[in-house]
Amino acid sequence: MSSRIEQIIEEIEEYVESCKYQALSTTKIIVNKEEIEELLRELRLKTPDEIKRYQKIISNKDAILADAQAKADNIIEDTKKQVQEMVKESEVMQQAYAQANETINSANQQAQAIIDAATNDANTLRLSAVSYTDEMMANMGQLASNMLEDAAAKYNDFVQALRSSLEVINQNRAELSPQLVRSNEAPVQEEVSAPSYEPDGFDEDEDLDDGFDDFD
């Protein structure tokens, strides 16, 4: 919106344009003294008011600029504080990350130590179990060997007893044979030889030796 001074100046310009030139001149015009003086008087009266108005605008402008500068300074200060807080938070987060990583590494080391200890214990138990099983099998083998030797000895004693009994029987029959001949006048029967008793497919010396070899 234009000011009154600008309007008066425009009116003066329009008035001058509307005036007629003097005779034989292209630069001089004929003006109405009262009209031009009225316009100039109003211009002089309005000038202080307009100056005050512009001064007020300038003052307001300065106030606006000062307020804007203050707001800008506040924004900058707040931004600086936020940046500082963010930096502090970042440092705190970095420390937290470092502590978290340290805790994780410590936990991993402890877990690995537990796994290693469990693995060593398992290996020790496995070796102990293998050793115990081998010892038990050795004891069982020794027991079986002893049982086989004992059975072989008992079998030999049994065979020897049978042979002794058969020899006694043959001797007794031999003693009775002359008496039977005299009483019955019958020929003396031939002496019955003691049969050699051995289980089918069993050779006393070879099979026992083979049995012992199996348990060596």
Foldseek 3Di string as FASTA:
>chain_A
DDDVLVVLVVVVVVQVVPFAADPPDDPHTDHDPVVVVVSVVVNVVCVVVVVVVVVVVVVVVVVVVVVVVVVVVVVVVVVVVVVVVVVVVVVVVVVVVVVVVVVVVVVVVVVVVVVVVVVVVVVVVVVVVVVVVVVVVLVVLVVVLVVLVVVLVVVVVVQVVLQVVLVVVLVVLVVCQVVCCVVVVDDGDDGDDDDRDDPPPDDSPVVSVVVNVVSD
